[in-house]
């Protein structure tokens, strides 16, 4: 859903966190904890951005870092009890949001939309991975997915 931009700033703001923090919490909750590298890969964010996001979530008490007893270089980022409750609230809000979206689609089209959604998500993911090109435009670097930068 992140790929399609369906988690809006207003939806995350109601919980008092940024969109990046919201995505991070949901990903950690979905996987039961990840390392910083795994998290940055899953969310397609650079490690420094991911590190700052996690630092802020640690400060707010929503996640914690846990060192691996066997490999001290590996640190797993997990949800705290408060973080778990936040993820439940986010997921509940998103379920309600998607139910409202589906209710606004004509009933005879709903099944087709639900059936095509996995294909759309795969196409978005493959397009980003296969065609993302860095290009300098107007003095700034932008990701380009096939359109010319003028």
Protein backbone atom coordinates (compact mmCIF):
# COMPACT_ATOMS: atom_id res chain seq x y z
CA UNK A 1 0.00 0.00 0.00
CA UNK A 2 2.95 2.31 0.64
CA UNK A 3 3.94 1.90 -3.01
CA UNK A 4 0.62 3.33 -4.14
CA UNK A 5 0.74 6.18 -1.62
CA UNK A 6 -2.43 5.01 0.09
CA UNK A 7 -1.19 5.81 3.57
CA UNK A 8 -1.60 9.55 3.66
CA UNK A 9 0.03 12.06 5.99
CA UNK A 10 -3.31 12.82 7.63
CA UNK A 11 -3.81 9.16 8.47
CA UNK A 12 -0.43 8.93 10.22
CA UNK A 13 -0.72 12.37 11.80
CA UNK A 14 -3.75 11.28 13.78
CA UNK A 15 -1.41 9.01 15.69
CA UNK A 16 1.11 11.81 16.23
CA UNK A 17 3.85 10.27 14.09
CA UNK A 18 5.27 10.88 10.63
CA UNK A 19 4.39 8.77 7.59
CA UNK A 20 7.92 7.27 7.60
CA UNK A 21 7.54 6.33 11.27
CA UNK A 22 4.14 4.84 10.54
CA UNK A 23 5.51 2.67 7.72
CA UNK A 24 8.44 1.65 9.91
CA UNK A 25 6.18 0.58 12.78
CA UNK A 26 3.89 -1.39 10.49
CA UNK A 27 6.85 -3.18 8.86
CA UNK A 28 8.40 -4.05 12.23
CA UNK A 29 5.03 -5.31 13.47
CA UNK A 30 4.47 -7.33 10.30
CA UNK A 31 7.80 -9.15 10.63
CA UNK A 32 8.22 -9.33 14.41
CA UNK A 33 11.37 -7.25 14.26
CA UNK A 34 14.19 -6.55 11.82
CA UNK A 35 17.72 -5.26 11.73
CA UNK A 36 18.29 -1.69 10.56
CA UNK A 37 19.64 -2.98 7.21
CA UNK A 38 16.65 -5.29 6.70
CA UNK A 39 14.28 -2.48 7.58
CA UNK A 40 15.92 0.01 5.20
CA UNK A 41 15.73 -2.57 2.39
CA UNK A 42 12.10 -3.43 3.11
CA UNK A 43 11.07 0.23 3.09
CA UNK A 44 13.48 1.24 0.30
CA UNK A 45 15.04 3.99 2.42
CA UNK A 46 18.74 4.71 2.81
CA UNK A 47 20.34 3.55 6.05
CA UNK A 48 20.90 7.05 7.46
CA UNK A 49 17.23 7.99 7.00
CA UNK A 50 16.16 4.67 8.49
CA UNK A 51 18.53 5.15 11.42
CA UNK A 52 17.08 8.61 12.20
CA UNK A 53 13.54 7.26 11.93
CA UNK A 54 14.32 4.39 14.30
CA UNK A 55 16.15 6.74 16.71
CA UNK A 56 13.02 8.90 16.91
CA UNK A 57 10.81 5.85 17.47
CA UNK A 58 13.14 4.68 20.26
CA UNK A 59 12.95 8.13 21.89
CA UNK A 60 9.15 8.03 21.81
CA UNK A 61 9.14 4.55 23.34
CA UNK A 62 7.50 2.80 20.37
CA UNK A 63 10.44 0.54 19.43
CA UNK A 64 13.55 -0.82 21.10
CA UNK A 65 16.85 -2.18 19.92
CA UNK A 66 17.81 -5.67 21.09
CA UNK A 67 21.34 -7.02 20.70
CA UNK A 68 21.73 -10.59 19.53
CA UNK A 69 23.38 -12.75 22.19
CA UNK A 70 25.34 -14.73 19.60
CA UNK A 71 26.30 -11.87 17.26
CA UNK A 72 26.63 -8.48 18.99
CA UNK A 73 26.92 -6.76 15.59
CA UNK A 74 23.30 -7.74 14.86
CA UNK A 75 20.70 -5.52 16.48
CA UNK A 76 17.04 -6.38 16.09
CA UNK A 77 14.49 -3.57 16.20
CA UNK A 78 11.23 -4.63 17.85
CA UNK A 79 8.01 -3.01 18.97
CA UNK A 80 7.45 -2.08 22.59
CA UNK A 81 4.01 -2.68 24.14
CA UNK A 82 3.11 0.91 23.24
CA UNK A 83 4.39 0.36 19.69
CA UNK A 84 2.29 -2.79 19.37
CA UNK A 85 -0.81 -0.83 20.39
CA UNK A 86 0.08 1.90 17.88
CA UNK A 87 0.39 -0.68 15.08
CA UNK A 88 -3.00 -2.13 16.03
CA UNK A 89 -4.51 1.35 15.83
CA UNK A 90 -2.85 2.05 12.47
CA UNK A 91 -3.96 -1.29 11.01
CA UNK A 92 -7.49 -0.79 12.31
CA UNK A 93 -7.63 2.68 10.79
CA UNK A 94 -6.32 1.41 7.47
CA UNK A 95 -8.85 -1.45 7.39
CA UNK A 96 -11.62 1.06 7.99
CA UNK A 97 -10.20 3.32 5.28
CA UNK A 98 -10.03 0.49 2.70
CA UNK A 99 -13.55 -0.62 3.59
CA UNK A 100 -14.75 2.92 2.84
CA UNK A 101 -12.80 2.93 -0.42
CA UNK A 102 -14.32 -0.40 -1.49
CA UNK A 103 -17.81 0.76 -0.52
CA UNK A 104 -17.40 3.70 -2.91
CA UNK A 105 -16.72 1.35 -5.84
CA UNK A 106 -19.81 -0.03 -7.62
CA UNK A 107 -20.55 -3.53 -6.29
CA UNK A 108 -20.28 -5.12 -9.72
CA UNK A 109 -16.69 -3.77 -10.03
CA UNK A 110 -15.42 -4.59 -6.50
CA UNK A 111 -14.43 -8.17 -7.22
CA UNK A 112 -12.45 -7.09 -10.30
CA UNK A 113 -10.63 -4.38 -8.31
CA UNK A 114 -9.70 -6.82 -5.55
CA UNK A 115 -8.59 -9.42 -8.10
CA UNK A 116 -6.34 -6.99 -10.01
CA UNK A 117 -4.75 -5.29 -6.98
CA UNK A 118 -1.93 -7.86 -6.46
CA UNK A 119 -0.98 -7.49 -10.14
CA UNK A 120 -0.95 -3.71 -9.83
CA UNK A 121 1.26 -3.84 -6.73
CA UNK A 122 3.67 -6.23 -8.45
CA UNK A 123 3.79 -4.01 -11.54
CA UNK A 124 4.54 -0.94 -9.40
CA UNK A 125 7.27 -2.78 -7.51
CA UNK A 126 8.88 -4.18 -10.68
CA UNK A 127 8.72 -0.85 -12.47
CA UNK A 128 10.43 0.95 -9.59
CA UNK A 129 13.13 -1.68 -9.33
CA UNK A 130 13.68 -2.13 -13.06
CA UNK A 131 13.46 1.42 -14.35
CA UNK A 132 14.49 3.72 -11.52
CA UNK A 133 17.12 6.00 -13.00
CA UNK A 134 18.88 8.84 -11.20
CA UNK A 135 18.95 12.02 -13.26
CA UNK A 136 19.90 15.57 -12.44
CA UNK A 137 17.09 17.99 -13.28
CA UNK A 138 17.08 21.68 -12.58
CA UNK A 139 19.96 21.28 -10.14
CA UNK A 140 18.19 18.60 -8.07
CA UNK A 141 18.40 14.83 -8.27
CA UNK A 142 15.09 13.12 -8.97
CA UNK A 143 14.03 9.52 -9.49
CA UNK A 144 12.80 9.00 -13.01
CA UNK A 145 10.59 6.12 -14.05
CA UNK A 146 10.69 6.52 -17.81
CA UNK A 147 9.37 10.06 -18.25
CA UNK A 148 11.72 12.73 -19.58
CA UNK A 149 12.84 15.35 -17.11
CA UNK A 150 12.48 18.81 -18.58
